[in-house]
Protein backbone atom coordinates (compact mmCIF):
# COMPACT_ATOMS: atom_id res chain seq x y z
CA MET A 1 116.59 184.60 102.16
CA ALA A 2 114.34 183.33 105.14
CA PHE A 3 114.22 185.40 108.32
CA HIS A 4 113.97 183.56 111.81
CA PRO A 5 113.11 185.49 114.97
CA VAL A 6 115.70 183.59 116.53
CA PHE A 7 119.02 184.34 118.32
CA LEU A 8 122.02 182.78 117.00
CA SER A 9 125.35 182.73 118.13
CA VAL A 10 128.13 181.57 115.56
CA VAL A 11 131.96 180.55 116.82
CA PHE A 12 134.79 180.78 115.05
CA VAL A 13 138.38 179.53 116.20
CA VAL A 14 141.40 180.99 115.03
CA ARG A 15 144.97 180.84 115.47
CA ASN A 16 147.59 183.12 113.57
CA GLN A 17 144.64 184.81 111.03
CA ALA A 18 145.24 188.42 111.50
CA ASP A 19 145.23 189.52 107.93
CA GLU A 20 141.81 187.43 107.43
CA LEU A 21 140.14 188.37 110.73
CA PRO A 22 138.54 191.83 109.15
CA PRO A 23 137.23 190.65 106.13
CA LEU A 24 136.00 187.59 107.61
CA LEU A 25 134.37 188.91 110.69
CA THR A 26 132.95 191.88 108.15
CA GLU A 27 131.10 189.33 105.86
CA ALA A 28 130.11 187.06 108.95
CA THR A 29 127.93 190.39 110.03
CA THR A 30 126.84 191.12 106.86
CA ARG A 31 125.39 187.53 106.49
CA LEU A 32 124.06 187.24 110.16
CA GLY A 33 121.98 190.65 110.28
CA PRO A 34 119.31 189.75 107.71
CA GLN A 35 118.61 186.24 108.78
CA VAL A 36 117.90 186.40 112.22
CA SER A 37 116.35 188.43 114.85
CA ASP A 38 119.67 188.82 117.19
CA TYR A 39 123.18 187.39 116.88
CA GLU A 40 126.31 186.68 118.30
CA ILE A 41 129.78 186.38 116.96
CA ILE A 42 132.12 184.60 119.26
CA VAL A 43 135.63 184.24 118.13
CA VAL A 44 138.13 182.26 120.17
CA ASP A 45 141.87 182.76 119.53
CA ASN A 46 143.57 179.67 120.11
CA ALA A 47 146.78 181.34 121.56
CA SER A 48 147.87 183.01 118.33
CA ASP A 49 151.87 184.57 118.09
CA ASP A 50 151.39 187.24 115.59
CA ASN A 51 148.90 190.38 116.19
CA SER A 52 145.51 188.80 116.18
CA VAL A 53 144.50 189.44 119.58
CA SER A 54 145.16 193.33 118.94
CA VAL A 55 143.31 192.97 115.63
CA LEU A 56 140.21 191.54 117.22
CA LYS A 57 140.74 194.03 120.23
CA SER A 58 140.57 196.80 118.00
CA LEU A 59 137.19 195.35 116.33
CA THR A 60 135.78 195.36 119.43
CA GLN A 61 135.94 199.27 119.46
CA GLU A 62 132.76 201.61 119.14
CA ALA A 63 133.79 202.29 115.46
CA GLY A 64 134.21 198.41 114.91
CA LEU A 65 131.76 195.66 114.54
CA PRO A 66 128.44 194.98 116.64
CA ASN A 67 127.94 191.75 118.73
CA LEU A 68 131.52 190.44 118.77
CA GLN A 69 132.64 188.46 121.60
CA VAL A 70 136.62 187.46 121.49
CA TYR A 71 137.94 184.77 124.04
CA ALA A 72 141.53 184.83 124.05
CA LEU A 73 143.44 181.34 124.78
CA THR A 74 146.82 181.57 127.03
CA LYS A 75 147.95 178.23 125.47
CA ALA A 76 146.89 176.34 122.07
CA VAL A 77 144.21 173.72 122.71
CA ASP A 78 142.90 171.17 120.48
CA MET A 79 140.36 172.24 117.88
CA ASP A 80 137.42 170.93 119.76
CA THR A 81 138.25 172.35 123.38
CA ALA A 82 138.35 175.69 121.66
CA SER A 83 135.28 175.21 119.77
CA TRP A 84 133.67 174.36 123.28
CA VAL A 85 135.09 177.65 124.89
CA GLY A 86 132.53 179.58 122.46
CA LEU A 87 129.73 177.21 122.77
CA GLU A 88 130.14 177.58 126.73
CA ASN A 89 130.12 180.73 126.69
CA ALA A 90 127.25 181.50 124.05
CA LEU A 91 123.83 182.84 124.83
CA GLY A 92 121.97 182.20 121.49
CA ASP A 93 118.95 179.56 120.84
CA PHE A 94 121.15 178.13 118.21
CA VAL A 95 124.94 177.77 118.63
CA ALA A 96 127.24 177.27 114.67
CA VAL A 97 130.36 176.22 114.72
CA VAL A 98 132.44 177.21 111.80
CA ASP A 99 136.17 176.04 110.46
CA THR A 100 137.21 179.16 108.93
CA ALA A 101 139.45 177.29 106.54
CA ALA A 102 136.91 175.08 105.44
CA ASP A 103 133.40 176.09 105.68
CA ASP A 104 131.34 178.50 103.81
CA LEU A 105 129.28 180.76 105.72
CA ALA A 106 126.70 180.88 102.86
CA PHE A 107 125.59 177.51 103.89
CA LEU A 108 124.70 178.58 107.04
CA PRO A 109 120.83 179.73 106.59
CA THR A 110 120.20 176.35 104.78
CA MET A 111 121.22 174.75 108.41
CA LEU A 112 119.53 177.13 110.65
CA GLU A 113 116.54 176.15 108.47
CA HIS A 114 116.56 172.82 109.35
CA ALA A 115 117.68 173.78 113.04
CA VAL A 116 114.48 175.93 113.21
CA ARG A 117 112.27 173.01 112.20
CA GLY A 118 113.41 171.02 114.78
CA ALA A 119 116.83 169.57 114.71
CA ASP A 120 119.11 169.47 117.53
CA VAL A 121 122.26 168.79 115.89
CA VAL A 122 122.79 170.03 112.10
CA PHE A 123 126.35 168.79 110.34
CA ALA A 124 127.15 170.22 106.90
CA THR A 125 129.88 168.50 104.80
CA ASN A 126 131.71 170.19 102.22
CA GLN A 127 132.44 168.01 99.29
CA GLN A 128 135.58 170.18 98.36
CA LYS A 129 138.46 169.62 100.91
CA LEU A 130 141.33 171.16 101.99
CA ARG A 131 144.39 169.76 100.31
CA HIS A 132 146.37 167.71 102.07
CA SER A 133 149.68 165.30 101.20
CA ILE A 134 149.63 162.02 100.61
CA SER A 135 150.79 161.26 104.13
CA TYR A 136 147.51 162.44 105.78
CA GLY A 137 145.28 161.07 103.22
CA VAL A 138 146.66 157.35 103.84
CA ALA A 139 146.70 157.86 107.51
CA TYR A 140 142.95 159.87 107.73
CA ALA A 141 141.58 156.70 105.98
CA VAL A 142 143.21 154.12 108.43
CA PHE A 143 142.08 156.44 111.14
CA GLU A 144 138.39 156.57 109.85
CA TRP A 145 138.03 152.51 109.08
CA LEU A 146 139.36 152.22 112.82
CA TYR A 147 136.80 154.70 113.97
CA LEU A 148 134.12 153.33 112.06
CA ARG A 149 135.08 149.48 113.74
CA PHE A 150 135.16 151.14 117.40
CA ASN A 151 132.18 153.68 116.99
CA GLY A 152 130.28 152.62 114.36
CA ILE A 153 130.49 156.48 112.43
CA ARG A 154 132.12 157.73 109.60
CA LEU A 155 133.46 160.90 110.58
CA ALA A 156 134.05 162.98 107.49
CA LYS A 157 129.91 162.46 106.43
CA GLU A 158 128.50 162.17 110.01
CA ALA A 159 130.59 164.21 112.16
CA PRO A 160 132.58 167.47 110.31
CA GLN A 161 133.19 170.29 112.22
CA TYR A 162 130.56 172.72 110.85
CA ARG A 163 127.84 172.39 112.78
CA ILE A 164 124.68 173.63 114.35
CA LEU A 165 123.70 172.98 118.03
CA SER A 166 120.69 173.96 119.96
CA LYS A 167 120.66 174.90 123.40
CA ARG A 168 119.28 171.98 124.51
CA VAL A 169 122.24 170.02 123.34
CA VAL A 170 124.41 172.80 124.99
CA ASN A 171 122.79 172.47 128.12
CA PHE A 172 122.95 168.46 127.70
CA LEU A 173 126.72 168.76 127.55
CA LEU A 174 127.10 171.37 130.05
CA GLN A 175 126.00 168.76 132.62
CA HIS A 176 129.18 166.37 132.19
CA SER A 177 132.30 166.54 133.95
CA GLN A 178 134.35 166.83 130.88
CA PRO A 179 131.68 168.82 128.13
CA ALA A 180 134.50 169.38 125.68
CA MET A 181 135.23 165.60 125.56
CA SER A 182 131.48 165.14 125.30
CA TYR A 183 131.37 167.61 122.40
CA ARG A 184 134.04 165.18 120.63
CA HIS A 185 131.80 162.20 120.36
CA LEU A 186 128.44 163.79 119.86
CA PRO A 187 127.43 162.17 116.89
CA ALA A 188 127.43 159.26 119.13
CA THR A 189 124.89 160.45 121.19
CA ALA A 190 121.38 159.12 121.27
CA GLY A 191 118.31 160.71 121.72
CA PHE A 192 118.76 164.16 119.63
CA ALA A 193 117.42 164.85 115.85
CA ARG A 194 119.92 164.75 113.74
CA VAL A 195 120.43 166.03 110.09
CA ASN A 196 123.74 165.40 107.76
CA LEU A 197 123.92 167.83 105.04
CA SER A 198 126.31 168.19 102.26
CA TYR A 199 127.41 171.32 99.74
CA SER A 200 130.22 172.16 97.65
CA ALA A 201 132.25 175.13 98.10
CA PRO A 202 135.82 175.93 97.49
CA PRO A 203 137.66 176.32 100.62
CA ARG A 204 138.56 179.89 102.01
CA SER A 205 142.13 178.33 102.64
CA ASN A 206 144.70 177.36 100.65
CA ARG A 207 146.79 175.60 102.73
CA VAL A 208 148.07 171.97 102.71
CA ARG A 209 147.28 169.86 105.69
CA LYS A 210 150.03 168.07 106.90
CA LEU A 211 150.08 164.69 108.72
CA ALA A 212 151.86 165.99 111.79
CA ASP A 213 149.01 168.63 112.30
CA SER A 214 146.10 166.02 113.17
CA ILE A 215 148.11 163.35 114.50
CA ASP A 216 147.38 164.33 118.07
CA ARG A 217 143.90 165.29 117.49
CA GLY A 218 143.36 161.73 115.91
CA VAL A 219 145.05 159.82 118.73
CA ARG A 220 142.84 162.28 121.33
CA LEU A 221 139.28 161.72 119.40
CA LEU A 222 140.25 157.91 119.16
CA VAL A 223 141.05 157.37 122.78
CA SER A 224 138.88 160.03 124.38
CA THR A 225 135.54 158.92 122.79
CA THR A 226 135.88 154.93 122.98
CA ARG A 227 136.89 152.53 125.49
CA ALA A 228 137.60 150.20 122.40
CA PRO A 229 141.68 150.49 122.54
CA MET A 230 142.23 150.28 126.06
CA ARG A 231 139.54 147.37 126.14
CA LEU A 232 141.51 145.69 123.58
CA VAL A 233 144.60 145.65 125.85
CA THR A 234 142.57 144.38 128.56
CA SER A 235 141.27 141.47 126.51
CA LEU A 236 144.92 140.54 125.37
CA SER A 237 146.05 140.62 129.20
CA LEU A 238 143.08 138.32 129.99
CA PHE A 239 143.89 135.88 126.95
CA GLY A 240 147.53 135.81 127.95
CA THR A 241 146.09 135.03 131.36
CA VAL A 242 144.14 132.01 130.27
CA ALA A 243 146.77 131.06 128.13
CA ASN A 244 149.71 131.03 130.41
CA LEU A 245 147.29 129.15 133.12
CA LEU A 246 146.47 126.35 130.43
CA TYR A 247 150.22 125.97 129.43
CA SER A 248 151.31 125.39 132.86
CA ILE A 249 148.66 122.52 133.38
CA TYR A 250 149.78 120.91 129.93
CA VAL A 251 153.35 121.17 131.39
CA MET A 252 152.02 119.17 133.99
CA ALA A 253 150.47 116.72 132.16
CA VAL A 254 153.31 116.14 129.94
CA ALA A 255 155.98 115.91 132.89
CA LEU A 256 153.47 113.22 134.64
CA THR A 257 152.42 111.16 131.65
CA ASN A 258 155.72 111.34 129.87
CA PRO A 259 159.37 109.85 131.74
CA HIS A 260 161.15 111.30 128.64
CA VAL A 261 160.96 114.68 129.03
CA ALA A 262 164.30 116.39 128.66
CA PRO A 263 165.53 117.29 132.68
CA GLY A 264 164.92 120.96 133.68
CA TRP A 265 162.40 121.20 131.04
CA THR A 266 159.11 121.37 133.50
CA SER A 267 160.57 123.79 136.16
CA MET A 268 161.63 125.90 133.06
CA SER A 269 158.24 126.08 131.31
CA LEU A 270 156.60 126.52 134.73
CA GLN A 271 158.89 129.29 135.63
CA GLN A 272 158.33 131.25 132.41
CA SER A 273 154.39 130.33 132.44
CA GLY A 274 154.30 131.13 135.69
CA MET A 275 156.00 134.88 135.22
CA PHE A 276 153.71 135.51 132.04
CA PHE A 277 150.69 134.67 134.14
CA LEU A 278 151.60 137.25 136.76
CA ILE A 279 152.56 139.91 134.05
CA SER A 280 149.38 139.38 132.55
CA LEU A 281 147.28 139.39 135.46
CA VAL A 282 149.00 142.63 136.44
CA LEU A 283 148.05 144.25 133.09
CA LEU A 284 144.43 142.93 133.40
CA VAL A 285 143.87 144.82 136.80
CA LEU A 286 145.95 147.59 136.05
CA GLY A 287 143.90 147.92 132.51
CA GLU A 288 140.48 147.65 134.32
CA TYR A 289 141.38 150.27 136.55
CA ILE A 290 142.89 152.89 134.47
CA LEU A 291 139.48 152.17 132.44
CA HIS A 292 137.50 152.97 135.93
CA MET A 293 139.56 155.95 136.22
CA ALA A 294 139.03 157.65 133.00
CA SER A 295 135.53 157.67 133.65
CA LEU A 296 136.00 159.62 136.89
CA SER A 297 138.72 161.95 135.96
CA SER A 298 138.85 165.46 136.43
CA GLU A 299 142.05 167.12 135.74
CA GLY A 300 141.10 170.86 136.10
CA PRO A 301 140.11 173.26 133.34
CA LEU A 302 141.20 172.41 129.78
CA TYR A 303 141.47 175.69 128.98
CA HIS A 304 142.09 179.25 130.58
CA VAL A 305 140.94 182.37 129.38
CA GLY A 306 143.62 185.24 129.38
CA GLN A 307 141.91 188.07 127.63
CA GLU A 308 138.29 188.84 126.99
CA PHE A 309 136.63 191.56 124.80
CA THR A 310 133.15 192.82 123.75
CA SER A 311 131.73 194.88 121.52
CA ALA A 312 130.93 198.60 122.54
CA ARG A 313 127.85 198.25 120.70
CA VAL A 314 125.71 195.27 121.31
CA THR A 315 122.13 195.60 119.48
CA ARG A 316 120.04 193.29 121.88
CA ARG A 317 121.26 195.64 124.61
CA GLU A 318 120.24 198.60 122.42
CA LYS A 319 116.82 197.06 121.93
CA LEU A 320 116.33 196.02 125.78
CA ASN A 321 117.23 199.59 126.59
CA ILE A 322 113.77 200.96 124.59
CA GLU A 323 110.91 202.30 126.52
CA GLU A 324 107.62 202.40 124.88
CA VAL A 325 105.49 205.76 125.56
CA VAL A 326 101.82 206.26 125.46
CA ALA A 327 100.33 209.62 124.70
CA ALA A 328 98.20 210.82 127.71
CA GLN A 329 94.40 211.01 127.00
CA PRO A 330 93.46 214.41 127.30
CA LYS A 331 91.40 215.51 130.29
CA SER A 332 88.23 216.52 128.79
CA GLU A 333 87.92 212.90 126.47
CA TRP A 334 88.76 211.10 129.92
CA MET A 335 85.76 212.91 131.69
CA ALA A 336 83.18 212.08 128.64
CA GLN A 337 84.38 208.08 128.78
CA SER A 338 83.31 208.37 132.35
């Protein structure tokens, strides 16, 4: 196992996993110690309704685990926002984001090796997926196809949740008004060296992914990372505006050139085409206004940390408190050198 003289932060997002937390964090501490010169483990509790917070609080006591940082959210948020809570508060040269259900900590050294060599973002895909329902599989395939068409990115292979970011990338995201949103479409961000890796390991969790659990994240990801859906609405509105205008011209041409037009057809057709023209025009302007406001929106904080705990023992602080004492030279030797 290679040793790297870097400070590594590892972010875990957990929810209702009280029984799994002690072995998970103990394993992380055991693995990280020999790999890097310094590390911190950041746990974001995504508003658990079991005793996860109590378990985490006990792990930060004097007899608990070192270098543990806990952020307990007051309300549940999506996975990307919860991950950003840890990223925003990380101090490391590199920050790893781990899905406790699907990702294997044993592959972290390989990812860190690429990061130390110069990769700003390292993604890792587990070939062994969590079990899922048939409806989830079908919906995910459709969603991935749409995302590929809109953004040109295959989410499963090019943007998995398991990733390591350099501090340079985190600082770049912090400059955005909505950094959690920028974190979602990080794979589409150009200018950073990216590495995509794959491995095979059995998932830690045996739970089955259901469609209802992922609809919200899928819609949020699709809408927030591309303007294509709203741009489609405005394009259809523009098409409707032009089509109704052309139809009105057609109705007038028929009324002027054909003496056998049914009574009332011209006025009725112009009335309908005029109404739809105005509706399409309103939708077009409204859609463009929404697109503009979406780029400027700032609706306040996406999350709120209700409680925060820090380990009673932090190894980097212990290192900072070490004083180097130089033995005093005997006066006789000092006189002889003079």
